[in-house]
Amino acid sequence: MNDDDRRFASLGRALVRVEAGLREELDVAAMAEAACYSLFHFVRVFTELTGHGPYDYLMRRRVAEAAKEVAAGGRSILDIALEYRFESPEGFSRAFKRCFGLSPSEARREGRYPEGSARTPIDEDYARRLRSSGLRARAETAPLMVITGTPRVDGGQYPAGSTVAVVSIASRPAPCEGIPVIAGRVLADGEAEPGIPSVTARIAGGSFLVAAGAATIDVELARDLLYRTAFPISGTGPRGDCEIAILDEAGAVVELRIPAR
């Protein structure tokens, strides 16, 4: 077993301990003990391999599991908060709102919460895939993007020559309001929009979260990294319901960009 294998095995033990202890008095020191690391070394390794600080991950996993019960109804929010080891309903409410952008009482009233932002369990295999993919998330600001091309059916091939695509979000039925799902190219400044049969999408300028690697990317892994790690940690959320995929010459996705609030 080489050094990398040992680090991932140690991380895996800590992640298993988290899932077993969501309703227990578990802290970062206990996670480090499960990994057989000093506290300082554990925090560094955990953050490097998962993208989360260990306390942040533990809190988000507790909130994610508690949110299912909040939305389902039947038990009081106070009972749920205490079961998942939050010291007060106020502390639980703050953590819930930080994760989902709404309060537990709002989620209870609506019978739902933004499941796409919930931190699902990370395991050793996921951490290895993330590491080997080379994926990294970053925030940036970009101007208005005008994309022209042909309508795209999800799951189909991108048309030859496409350099960018507006794609729909798996957990939602449609892309940004009024924006067609298309694959094509970005118009240059001042370039006239072509007419039918081409269609045009306008992506407002502003903040974006971006996932990219050294080469083509695993789109589903990139989505998971952005929605379940980068957005929650940044304290922001998606702006609208569209994603922009940047393509290489072969039509493979090399970058995923999501408008951020």
C-alpha atoms as a PDB file:
ATOM      1  CA  MET A   1       0.000   0.000   0.000  1.00  0.00           C
ATOM      2  CA  ASN A   2       1.510   3.330  -1.057  1.00  0.00           C
ATOM      3  CA  ASP A   3       1.121   6.687   0.702  1.00  0.00           C
ATOM      4  CA  ASP A   4      -1.894   7.723  -1.397  1.00  0.00           C
ATOM      5  CA  ASP A   5      -3.667   4.430  -0.678  1.00  0.00           C
ATOM      6  CA  ARG A   6      -3.052   4.897   3.038  1.00  0.00           C
ATOM      7  CA  ARG A   7      -4.443   8.446   2.942  1.00  0.00           C
ATOM      8  CA  PHE A   8      -7.591   7.374   1.122  1.00  0.00           C
ATOM      9  CA  ALA A   9      -8.044   4.400   3.459  1.00  0.00           C
ATOM     10  CA  SER A  10      -7.747   6.727   6.461  1.00  0.00           C
ATOM     11  CA  LEU A  11     -10.228   9.132   4.903  1.00  0.00           C
ATOM     12  CA  GLY A  12     -12.595   6.244   4.217  1.00  0.00           C
ATOM     13  CA  ARG A  13     -12.563   5.207   7.887  1.00  0.00           C
ATOM     14  CA  ALA A  14     -13.397   8.765   8.945  1.00  0.00           C
ATOM     15  CA  LEU A  15     -16.248   8.984   6.425  1.00  0.00           C
ATOM     16  CA  VAL A  16     -17.725   5.701   7.661  1.00  0.00           C
ATOM     17  CA  ARG A  17     -17.501   7.052  11.208  1.00  0.00           C
ATOM     18  CA  VAL A  18     -19.434  10.164  10.170  1.00  0.00           C
ATOM     19  CA  GLU A  19     -22.321   8.160   8.702  1.00  0.00           C
ATOM     20  CA  ALA A  20     -22.499   5.998  11.807  1.00  0.00           C
ATOM     21  CA  GLY A  21     -22.424   9.021  14.105  1.00  0.00           C
ATOM     22  CA  LEU A  22     -24.822  11.556  12.605  1.00  0.00           C
ATOM     23  CA  ARG A  23     -27.087  11.159  15.647  1.00  0.00           C
ATOM     24  CA  GLU A  24     -24.230  10.769  18.143  1.00  0.00           C
ATOM     25  CA  GLU A  25     -21.901  13.119  20.004  1.00  0.00           C
ATOM     26  CA  LEU A  26     -19.354  13.074  17.207  1.00  0.00           C
ATOM     27  CA  ASP A  27     -16.749  15.774  16.644  1.00  0.00           C
ATOM     28  CA  VAL A  28     -13.726  16.364  14.412  1.00  0.00           C
ATOM     29  CA  ALA A  29     -11.365  14.881  17.011  1.00  0.00           C
ATOM     30  CA  ALA A  30     -13.300  11.593  16.880  1.00  0.00           C
ATOM     31  CA  MET A  31     -13.166  11.666  13.076  1.00  0.00           C
ATOM     32  CA  ALA A  32      -9.387  12.160  13.252  1.00  0.00           C
ATOM     33  CA  GLU A  33      -9.111   9.260  15.707  1.00  0.00           C
ATOM     34  CA  ALA A  34     -10.993   6.995  13.277  1.00  0.00           C
ATOM     35  CA  ALA A  35      -8.527   7.998  10.560  1.00  0.00           C
ATOM     36  CA  CYS A  36      -5.566   7.382  12.927  1.00  0.00           C
ATOM     37  CA  TYR A  37      -4.289  10.902  12.281  1.00  0.00           C
ATOM     38  CA  SER A  38      -3.400  13.849  14.462  1.00  0.00           C
ATOM     39  CA  LEU A  39      -6.096  16.523  14.442  1.00  0.00           C
ATOM     40  CA  PHE A  40      -3.966  18.975  12.464  1.00  0.00           C
ATOM     41  CA  HIS A  41      -2.951  16.429   9.809  1.00  0.00           C
ATOM     42  CA  PHE A  42      -6.489  15.073   9.543  1.00  0.00           C
ATOM     43  CA  VAL A  43      -8.034  18.482   8.846  1.00  0.00           C
ATOM     44  CA  ARG A  44      -5.499  19.108   6.086  1.00  0.00           C
ATOM     45  CA  VAL A  45      -5.937  15.706   4.413  1.00  0.00           C
ATOM     46  CA  PHE A  46      -9.736  15.679   4.706  1.00  0.00           C
ATOM     47  CA  THR A  47     -10.044  19.134   3.140  1.00  0.00           C
ATOM     48  CA  GLU A  48      -7.628  18.297   0.344  1.00  0.00           C
ATOM     49  CA  LEU A  49      -9.379  15.058  -0.642  1.00  0.00           C
ATOM     50  CA  THR A  50     -13.039  16.082  -0.257  1.00  0.00           C
ATOM     51  CA  GLY A  51     -13.168  19.851  -0.773  1.00  0.00           C
ATOM     52  CA  HIS A  52     -14.878  20.214   2.635  1.00  0.00           C
ATOM     53  CA  GLY A  53     -13.465  20.999   6.015  1.00  0.00           C
ATOM     54  CA  PRO A  54     -14.343  18.081   8.332  1.00  0.00           C
ATOM     55  CA  TYR A  55     -16.637  20.104  10.611  1.00  0.00           C
ATOM     56  CA  ASP A  56     -18.383  21.630   7.592  1.00  0.00           C
ATOM     57  CA  TYR A  57     -18.916  18.174   6.096  1.00  0.00           C
ATOM     58  CA  LEU A  58     -20.260  16.720   9.349  1.00  0.00           C
ATOM     59  CA  MET A  59     -22.685  19.630   9.769  1.00  0.00           C
ATOM     60  CA  ARG A  60     -23.903  19.419   6.169  1.00  0.00           C
ATOM     61  CA  ARG A  61     -24.444  15.663   6.383  1.00  0.00           C
ATOM     62  CA  ARG A  62     -26.490  16.108   9.563  1.00  0.00           C
ATOM     63  CA  VAL A  63     -28.577  18.857   7.978  1.00  0.00           C
ATOM     64  CA  ALA A  64     -29.065  16.811   4.791  1.00  0.00           C
ATOM     65  CA  GLU A  65     -30.458  13.830   6.702  1.00  0.00           C
ATOM     66  CA  ALA A  66     -32.514  16.004   9.043  1.00  0.00           C
ATOM     67  CA  ALA A  67     -34.017  17.854   6.060  1.00  0.00           C
ATOM     68  CA  LYS A  68     -35.663  14.657   4.812  1.00  0.00           C
ATOM     69  CA  GLU A  69     -37.542  14.340   8.101  1.00  0.00           C
ATOM     70  CA  VAL A  70     -38.364  18.048   8.247  1.00  0.00           C
ATOM     71  CA  ALA A  71     -39.970  17.967   4.801  1.00  0.00           C
ATOM     72  CA  ALA A  72     -41.782  14.692   5.490  1.00  0.00           C
ATOM     73  CA  GLY A  73     -43.561  16.086   8.573  1.00  0.00           C
ATOM     74  CA  GLY A  74     -44.827  13.993  11.454  1.00  0.00           C
ATOM     75  CA  ARG A  75     -42.206  14.991  14.024  1.00  0.00           C
ATOM     76  CA  SER A  76     -41.502  18.374  15.531  1.00  0.00           C
ATOM     77  CA  ILE A  77     -38.598  20.363  14.142  1.00  0.00           C
ATOM     78  CA  LEU A  78     -37.213  20.650  17.677  1.00  0.00           C
ATOM     79  CA  ASP A  79     -37.118  16.858  18.095  1.00  0.00           C
ATOM     80  CA  ILE A  80     -35.379  16.463  14.741  1.00  0.00           C
ATOM     81  CA  ALA A  81     -32.823  19.165  15.576  1.00  0.00           C
ATOM     82  CA  LEU A  82     -31.966  17.550  18.909  1.00  0.00           C
ATOM     83  CA  GLU A  83     -31.755  14.068  17.392  1.00  0.00           C
ATOM     84  CA  TYR A  84     -29.131  15.309  14.928  1.00  0.00           C
ATOM     85  CA  ARG A  85     -27.157  16.876  17.786  1.00  0.00           C
ATOM     86  CA  PHE A  86     -27.924  20.540  17.235  1.00  0.00           C
ATOM     87  CA  GLU A  87     -27.906  22.310  20.583  1.00  0.00           C
ATOM     88  CA  SER A  88     -30.878  24.562  19.888  1.00  0.00           C
ATOM     89  CA  PRO A  89     -33.610  25.112  17.280  1.00  0.00           C
ATOM     90  CA  GLU A  90     -31.966  28.463  16.488  1.00  0.00           C
ATOM     91  CA  GLY A  91     -28.643  26.790  15.698  1.00  0.00           C
ATOM     92  CA  PHE A  92     -30.390  24.192  13.564  1.00  0.00           C
ATOM     93  CA  SER A  93     -32.316  26.882  11.709  1.00  0.00           C
ATOM     94  CA  ARG A  94     -29.139  28.830  10.961  1.00  0.00           C
ATOM     95  CA  ALA A  95     -27.371  25.718   9.655  1.00  0.00           C
ATOM     96  CA  PHE A  96     -30.422  24.687   7.619  1.00  0.00           C
ATOM     97  CA  LYS A  97     -30.717  28.117   6.024  1.00  0.00           C
ATOM     98  CA  ARG A  98     -26.990  28.196   5.277  1.00  0.00           C
ATOM     99  CA  CYS A  99     -27.318  24.875   3.448  1.00  0.00           C
ATOM    100  CA  PHE A 100     -30.594  25.425   1.615  1.00  0.00           C
ATOM    101  CA  GLY A 101     -31.437  29.126   1.633  1.00  0.00           C
ATOM    102  CA  LEU A 102     -34.697  28.601   3.532  1.00  0.00           C
ATOM    103  CA  SER A 103     -35.654  27.854   7.116  1.00  0.00           C
ATOM    104  CA  PRO A 104     -36.796  24.474   8.458  1.00  0.00           C
ATOM    105  CA  SER A 105     -40.297  25.901   9.022  1.00  0.00           C
ATOM    106  CA  GLU A 106     -40.455  26.982   5.372  1.00  0.00           C
ATOM    107  CA  ALA A 107     -39.325  23.523   4.233  1.00  0.00           C
ATOM    108  CA  ARG A 108     -41.950  21.937   6.501  1.00  0.00           C
ATOM    109  CA  ARG A 109     -44.663  24.224   5.146  1.00  0.00           C
ATOM    110  CA  GLU A 110     -43.722  23.532   1.507  1.00  0.00           C
ATOM    111  CA  GLY A 111     -43.072  19.830   2.087  1.00  0.00           C
ATOM    112  CA  ARG A 112     -39.786  20.031   0.193  1.00  0.00           C
ATOM    113  CA  TYR A 113     -36.280  21.497   0.192  1.00  0.00           C
ATOM    114  CA  PRO A 114     -33.523  21.906  -2.460  1.00  0.00           C
ATOM    115  CA  GLU A 115     -32.392  18.284  -2.534  1.00  0.00           C
ATOM    116  CA  GLY A 116     -29.899  19.042  -5.299  1.00  0.00           C
ATOM    117  CA  SER A 117     -27.861  21.081  -2.805  1.00  0.00           C
ATOM    118  CA  ALA A 118     -27.926  18.483  -0.024  1.00  0.00           C
ATOM    119  CA  ARG A 119     -24.543  16.987   0.813  1.00  0.00           C
ATOM    120  CA  THR A 120     -24.872  13.316  -0.056  1.00  0.00           C
ATOM    121  CA  PRO A 121     -22.393  10.931   1.590  1.00  0.00           C
ATOM    122  CA  ILE A 122     -18.834  11.005   0.300  1.00  0.00           C
ATOM    123  CA  ASP A 123     -17.000   7.707   0.397  1.00  0.00           C
ATOM    124  CA  GLU A 124     -13.470   6.599  -0.381  1.00  0.00           C
ATOM    125  CA  ASP A 125     -14.350   5.712  -3.982  1.00  0.00           C
ATOM    126  CA  TYR A 126     -15.867   9.163  -4.616  1.00  0.00           C
ATOM    127  CA  ALA A 127     -12.795  10.875  -3.176  1.00  0.00           C
ATOM    128  CA  ARG A 128     -10.527   8.789  -5.402  1.00  0.00           C
ATOM    129  CA  ARG A 129     -12.622   9.646  -8.487  1.00  0.00           C
ATOM    130  CA  LEU A 130     -12.532  13.337  -7.614  1.00  0.00           C
ATOM    131  CA  ARG A 131      -8.775  13.263  -7.115  1.00  0.00           C
ATOM    132  CA  SER A 132      -8.048  11.327 -10.334  1.00  0.00           C
ATOM    133  CA  SER A 133     -10.380  13.560 -12.386  1.00  0.00           C
ATOM    134  CA  GLY A 134      -8.317  16.653 -11.656  1.00  0.00           C
ATOM    135  CA  LEU A 135     -11.555  18.609 -11.278  1.00  0.00           C
ATOM    136  CA  ARG A 136     -11.333  21.935  -9.509  1.00  0.00           C
ATOM    137  CA  ALA A 137     -14.032  24.511  -8.831  1.00  0.00           C
ATOM    138  CA  ARG A 138     -13.479  28.242  -9.111  1.00  0.00           C
ATOM    139  CA  ALA A 139     -15.548  31.418  -9.047  1.00  0.00           C
ATOM    140  CA  GLU A 140     -15.313  34.056 -11.738  1.00  0.00           C
ATOM    141  CA  THR A 141     -17.193  36.962 -13.270  1.00  0.00           C
ATOM    142  CA  ALA A 142     -18.116  37.009 -16.973  1.00  0.00           C
ATOM    143  CA  PRO A 143     -20.035  39.373 -19.276  1.00  0.00           C
ATOM    144  CA  LEU A 144     -23.237  38.661 -21.218  1.00  0.00           C
ATOM    145  CA  MET A 145     -22.903  35.526 -23.360  1.00  0.00           C
ATOM    146  CA  VAL A 146     -25.011  35.243 -26.524  1.00  0.00           C
ATOM    147  CA  ILE A 147     -25.071  31.680 -27.835  1.00  0.00           C
ATOM    148  CA  THR A 148     -26.502  30.720 -31.206  1.00  0.00           C
ATOM    149  CA  GLY A 149     -27.001  27.203 -32.489  1.00  0.00           C
ATOM    150  CA  THR A 150     -29.450  24.385 -32.951  1.00  0.00           C
ATOM    151  CA  PRO A 151     -31.854  22.866 -30.404  1.00  0.00           C
ATOM    152  CA  ARG A 152     -30.376  19.933 -28.556  1.00  0.00           C
ATOM    153  CA  VAL A 153     -32.148  16.903 -27.148  1.00  0.00           C
ATOM    154  CA  ASP A 154     -30.641  15.802 -23.836  1.00  0.00           C
ATOM    155  CA  GLY A 155     -28.670  12.638 -24.295  1.00  0.00           C
ATOM    156  CA  GLY A 156     -28.055  13.308 -27.985  1.00  0.00           C
ATOM    157  CA  GLN A 157     -24.780  14.182 -29.659  1.00  0.00           C
ATOM    158  CA  TYR A 158     -23.609  17.767 -29.901  1.00  0.00           C
ATOM    159  CA  PRO A 159     -23.644  18.980 -33.529  1.00  0.00           C
ATOM    160  CA  ALA A 160     -20.254  19.052 -35.268  1.00  0.00           C
ATOM    161  CA  GLY A 161     -18.445  22.333 -34.784  1.00  0.00           C
ATOM    162  CA  SER A 162     -20.231  23.254 -31.542  1.00  0.00           C
ATOM    163  CA  THR A 163     -18.001  24.976 -29.003  1.00  0.00           C
ATOM    164  CA  VAL A 164     -20.578  25.668 -26.280  1.00  0.00           C
ATOM    165  CA  ALA A 165     -23.926  24.294 -25.151  1.00  0.00           C
ATOM    166  CA  VAL A 166     -26.700  25.404 -22.838  1.00  0.00           C
ATOM    167  CA  VAL A 167     -27.792  22.256 -21.057  1.00  0.00           C
ATOM    168  CA  SER A 168     -30.671  21.467 -18.761  1.00  0.00           C
ATOM    169  CA  ILE A 169     -30.274  20.525 -15.124  1.00  0.00           C
ATOM    170  CA  ALA A 170     -31.068  16.894 -14.354  1.00  0.00           C
ATOM    171  CA  SER A 171     -33.120  17.652 -11.249  1.00  0.00           C
ATOM    172  CA  ARG A 172     -35.207  20.334 -12.955  1.00  0.00           C
ATOM    173  CA  PRO A 173     -37.516  20.086 -15.965  1.00  0.00           C
ATOM    174  CA  ALA A 174     -36.268  23.088 -17.958  1.00  0.00           C
ATOM    175  CA  PRO A 175     -33.293  25.383 -18.410  1.00  0.00           C
ATOM    176  CA  CYS A 176     -33.302  29.093 -17.608  1.00  0.00           C
ATOM    177  CA  GLU A 177     -36.702  30.642 -18.199  1.00  0.00           C
ATOM    178  CA  GLY A 178     -37.038  31.633 -21.836  1.00  0.00           C
ATOM    179  CA  ILE A 179     -33.687  30.119 -22.803  1.00  0.00           C
ATOM    180  CA  PRO A 180     -33.742  27.202 -25.265  1.00  0.00           C
ATOM    181  CA  VAL A 181     -31.528  24.149 -24.828  1.00  0.00           C
ATOM    182  CA  ILE A 182     -29.040  24.574 -27.655  1.00  0.00           C
ATOM    183  CA  ALA A 183     -25.540  23.716 -28.828  1.00  0.00           C
ATOM    184  CA  GLY A 184     -23.555  26.080 -30.994  1.00  0.00           C
ATOM    185  CA  ARG A 185     -21.128  28.941 -30.576  1.00  0.00           C
ATOM    186  CA  VAL A 186     -20.773  32.254 -28.772  1.00  0.00           C
ATOM    187  CA  LEU A 187     -21.454  35.314 -30.918  1.00  0.00           C
ATOM    188  CA  ALA A 188     -18.715  37.921 -31.028  1.00  0.00           C
ATOM    189  CA  ASP A 189     -19.466  41.446 -29.791  1.00  0.00           C
ATOM    190  CA  GLY A 190     -21.555  43.266 -32.370  1.00  0.00           C
ATOM    191  CA  GLU A 191     -22.196  40.121 -34.435  1.00  0.00           C
ATOM    192  CA  ALA A 192     -25.776  39.903 -35.725  1.00  0.00           C
ATOM    193  CA  GLU A 193     -27.942  37.036 -34.534  1.00  0.00           C
ATOM    194  CA  PRO A 194     -28.700  34.542 -37.299  1.00  0.00           C
ATOM    195  CA  GLY A 195     -32.310  33.808 -38.121  1.00  0.00           C
ATOM    196  CA  ILE A 196     -34.304  30.594 -38.339  1.00  0.00           C
ATOM    197  CA  PRO A 197     -33.500  27.690 -38.091  1.00  0.00           C
ATOM    198  CA  SER A 198     -30.897  28.848 -35.559  1.00  0.00           C
ATOM    199  CA  VAL A 199     -32.012  29.789 -32.060  1.00  0.00           C
ATOM    200  CA  THR A 200     -30.314  32.136 -29.640  1.00  0.00           C
ATOM    201  CA  ALA A 201     -29.780  32.038 -25.872  1.00  0.00           C
ATOM    202  CA  ARG A 202     -28.711  35.020 -23.802  1.00  0.00           C
ATOM    203  CA  ILE A 203     -26.896  34.201 -20.573  1.00  0.00           C
ATOM    204  CA  ALA A 204     -26.763  37.308 -18.384  1.00  0.00           C
ATOM    205  CA  GLY A 205     -23.354  38.397 -17.212  1.00  0.00           C
ATOM    206  CA  GLY A 206     -22.373  38.162 -13.563  1.00  0.00           C
ATOM    207  CA  SER A 207     -20.917  35.576 -11.222  1.00  0.00           C
ATOM    208  CA  PHE A 208     -20.338  31.964 -12.243  1.00  0.00           C
ATOM    209  CA  LEU A 209     -19.020  28.852 -10.528  1.00  0.00           C
ATOM    210  CA  VAL A 210     -16.884  26.793 -12.875  1.00  0.00           C
ATOM    211  CA  ALA A 211     -15.670  23.187 -12.775  1.00  0.00           C
ATOM    212  CA  ALA A 212     -12.760  22.252 -15.009  1.00  0.00           C
ATOM    213  CA  GLY A 213      -9.913  19.771 -15.145  1.00  0.00           C
ATOM    214  CA  ALA A 214      -6.847  19.151 -17.232  1.00  0.00           C
ATOM    215  CA  ALA A 215      -8.844  17.585 -20.079  1.00  0.00           C
ATOM    216  CA  THR A 216     -12.415  16.417 -20.745  1.00  0.00           C
ATOM    217  CA  ILE A 217     -14.522  16.149 -17.623  1.00  0.00           C
ATOM    218  CA  ASP A 218     -17.070  13.808 -16.085  1.00  0.00           C
ATOM    219  CA  VAL A 219     -20.130  16.082 -16.228  1.00  0.00           C
ATOM    220  CA  GLU A 220     -22.037  14.341 -13.435  1.00  0.00           C
ATOM    221  CA  LEU A 221     -19.012  14.508 -11.139  1.00  0.00           C
ATOM    222  CA  ALA A 222     -18.577  18.183 -12.048  1.00  0.00           C
ATOM    223  CA  ARG A 223     -22.241  18.846 -11.219  1.00  0.00           C
ATOM    224  CA  ASP A 224     -21.861  17.135  -7.881  1.00  0.00           C
ATOM    225  CA  LEU A 225     -18.740  19.163  -7.099  1.00  0.00           C
ATOM    226  CA  LEU A 226     -20.467  22.454  -7.933  1.00  0.00           C
ATOM    227  CA  TYR A 227     -23.945  21.889  -6.472  1.00  0.00           C
ATOM    228  CA  ARG A 228     -23.053  19.891  -3.365  1.00  0.00           C
ATOM    229  CA  THR A 229     -19.669  21.384  -2.479  1.00  0.00           C
ATOM    230  CA  ALA A 230     -18.785  24.652  -4.227  1.00  0.00           C
ATOM    231  CA  PHE A 231     -22.171  26.387  -4.017  1.00  0.00           C
ATOM    232  CA  PRO A 232     -22.838  25.525  -0.351  1.00  0.00           C
ATOM    233  CA  ILE A 233     -19.327  26.470   0.734  1.00  0.00           C
ATOM    234  CA  SER A 234     -19.447  29.743  -1.201  1.00  0.00           C
ATOM    235  CA  GLY A 235     -22.708  30.692   0.514  1.00  0.00           C
ATOM    236  CA  THR A 236     -24.413  31.372  -2.801  1.00  0.00           C
ATOM    237  CA  GLY A 237     -26.682  29.395  -5.118  1.00  0.00           C
ATOM    238  CA  PRO A 238     -27.514  28.915  -8.791  1.00  0.00           C
ATOM    239  CA  ARG A 239     -28.890  31.897 -10.701  1.00  0.00           C
ATOM    240  CA  GLY A 240     -31.631  30.436 -12.862  1.00  0.00           C
ATOM    241  CA  ASP A 241     -31.856  26.869 -14.077  1.00  0.00           C
ATOM    242  CA  CYS A 242     -29.227  26.583 -16.804  1.00  0.00           C
ATOM    243  CA  GLU A 243     -25.725  25.237 -17.187  1.00  0.00           C
ATOM    244  CA  ILE A 244     -23.195  26.158 -19.847  1.00  0.00           C
ATOM    245  CA  ALA A 245     -20.919  23.415 -21.155  1.00  0.00           C
ATOM    246  CA  ILE A 246     -17.724  24.449 -22.940  1.00  0.00           C
ATOM    247  CA  LEU A 247     -16.779  21.900 -25.614  1.00  0.00           C
ATOM    248  CA  ASP A 248     -13.561  20.871 -27.317  1.00  0.00           C
ATOM    249  CA  GLU A 249     -13.174  20.232 -31.047  1.00  0.00           C
ATOM    250  CA  ALA A 250     -14.546  16.714 -30.659  1.00  0.00           C
ATOM    251  CA  GLY A 251     -17.650  17.927 -28.843  1.00  0.00           C
ATOM    252  CA  ALA A 252     -16.550  16.648 -25.420  1.00  0.00           C
ATOM    253  CA  VAL A 253     -17.201  18.794 -22.343  1.00  0.00           C
ATOM    254  CA  VAL A 254     -14.065  20.424 -20.923  1.00  0.00           C
ATOM    255  CA  GLU A 255     -15.692  22.935 -18.559  1.00  0.00           C
ATOM    256  CA  LEU A 256     -19.033  23.317 -16.801  1.00  0.00           C
ATOM    257  CA  ARG A 257     -20.203  26.831 -15.905  1.00  0.00           C
ATOM    258  CA  ILE A 258     -23.218  27.603 -13.707  1.00  0.00           C
ATOM    259  CA  PRO A 259     -24.549  31.146 -13.191  1.00  0.00           C
ATOM    260  CA  ALA A 260     -24.364  32.090  -9.501  1.00  0.00           C
ATOM    261  CA  ARG A 261     -26.349  34.600  -7.494  1.00  0.00           C
END
